[in-house]
Protein backbone atom coordinates (compact mmCIF):
# COMPACT_ATOMS: atom_id res chain seq x y z
CA LYS A 1 71.13 69.59 102.55
CA THR A 2 70.42 73.23 101.86
CA SER A 3 72.16 74.39 105.00
CA MET A 4 75.17 72.19 104.17
CA ARG A 5 75.34 73.75 100.69
CA SER A 6 75.05 77.22 102.20
CA ALA A 7 77.79 76.43 104.68
CA ALA A 8 80.03 75.06 101.92
CA ARG A 9 79.37 78.12 99.73
CA ALA A 10 80.13 80.47 102.64
CA TRP A 11 83.32 78.58 103.44
CA SER A 12 84.36 78.69 99.78
CA LEU A 13 83.66 82.44 99.62
CA GLY A 14 85.66 83.01 102.80
CA LEU A 15 88.54 81.00 101.38
CA ARG A 16 88.54 83.06 98.19
CA GLN A 17 88.45 86.28 100.21
CA ASN A 18 91.40 85.11 102.32
CA GLN A 19 93.36 84.28 99.17
CA SER A 20 92.77 87.76 97.75
CA VAL A 21 93.92 89.28 101.07
CA ARG A 22 97.08 87.16 100.91
CA ARG A 23 97.71 88.32 97.34
CA ARG A 24 97.41 91.96 98.40
CA GLN A 25 99.76 91.37 101.31
CA MET A 26 102.28 89.68 99.01
CA ALA A 27 102.25 92.77 96.78
CA ASN A 28 103.78 94.72 99.68
CA LEU A 29 106.62 92.20 100.18
CA VAL A 30 110.00 91.82 98.55
CA THR A 31 112.43 88.92 98.38
CA ILE A 32 116.07 89.69 99.06
CA GLU A 33 118.88 87.21 98.57
CA LEU A 34 122.11 87.35 100.53
CA GLU A 35 125.50 85.70 100.31
CA ILE A 36 126.64 84.70 103.79
CA ARG A 37 130.23 83.74 104.61
CA GLY A 38 131.76 82.30 107.74
CA MET A 39 129.19 79.66 108.63
CA SER A 40 130.70 76.28 109.46
CA CYS A 41 127.83 74.31 110.98
CA THR A 42 124.06 74.03 111.18
CA ARG A 43 124.04 76.04 114.38
CA CYS A 44 125.74 78.91 112.52
CA ALA A 45 123.05 78.87 109.87
CA MET A 46 120.34 78.83 112.54
CA THR A 47 121.99 81.80 114.28
CA VAL A 48 122.00 83.83 111.06
CA GLU A 49 118.41 82.86 110.28
CA HIS A 50 117.35 83.92 113.77
CA ALA A 51 119.18 87.25 113.36
CA LEU A 52 117.45 87.92 110.05
CA LYS A 53 114.02 87.05 111.47
CA GLY A 54 114.73 89.54 114.24
CA VAL A 55 114.79 92.46 111.83
CA SER A 56 111.56 94.43 111.99
CA GLY A 57 109.44 93.82 108.88
CA VAL A 58 110.95 90.45 108.00
CA ARG A 59 108.21 87.90 107.39
CA LYS A 60 110.37 84.87 106.49
CA ALA A 61 114.06 84.04 106.43
CA THR A 62 115.82 80.87 105.36
CA VAL A 63 119.54 80.23 105.33
CA ASP A 64 121.33 77.39 103.55
CA LEU A 65 124.67 76.39 105.01
CA ASP A 66 125.96 74.45 101.98
CA SER A 67 125.33 77.20 99.44
CA GLU A 68 126.14 80.02 101.89
CA TRP A 69 122.92 81.67 100.78
CA GLY A 70 120.04 83.35 102.54
CA MET A 71 116.61 84.36 101.29
CA VAL A 72 114.45 86.89 103.10
CA THR A 73 110.85 87.88 102.47
CA ALA A 74 110.15 91.26 104.01
CA GLU A 75 108.04 94.37 103.86
CA LYS A 76 109.12 96.72 101.06
CA TRP A 77 110.43 99.27 103.57
CA VAL A 78 113.07 96.87 104.98
CA THR A 79 116.45 97.90 103.61
CA GLU A 80 119.18 95.59 102.36
CA GLU A 81 121.59 97.34 104.71
CA GLU A 82 119.49 96.34 107.73
CA LEU A 83 119.72 92.69 106.70
CA VAL A 84 123.48 92.83 106.12
CA LYS A 85 123.95 94.52 109.51
CA ALA A 86 121.92 91.77 111.21
CA VAL A 87 124.15 89.10 109.66
CA GLU A 88 127.29 90.99 110.68
CA LYS A 89 125.98 91.57 114.21
CA ALA A 90 125.50 87.78 114.44
CA GLY A 91 129.22 87.42 113.66
CA TYR A 92 129.19 86.52 109.97
CA GLU A 93 129.92 88.24 106.69
CA GLY A 94 126.86 89.15 104.63
CA ARG A 95 126.27 90.95 101.37
CA ILE A 96 123.48 91.28 98.90
CA ALA A 97 123.69 88.52 96.32
CA GLN A 98 124.80 89.52 92.87
CA ARG A 99 122.89 87.75 90.13
CA ALA A 100 124.57 86.58 86.93
CA ARG A 101 123.45 88.76 84.04
């Protein structure tokens, strides 16, 4: 029983350490939203998503066909211009989303 408790405690400690590492990594990331025009099908959205994921420093990219919206999680050093260029290179119109104020 003692070794099981020790193993559980070690696992719990490792889990907490991993969570703190993830939090530190998240502090170095930004979320950028894009408006994407010209998509007419699911394949189009997949093409744009693939193009965004191909930008160095991008950790996650999702594109929604119906709302013509994309959301990218990337390292802080990734520029908005790089993302827009990736969308345009894929054959679509992209711009940084303007939020209602």
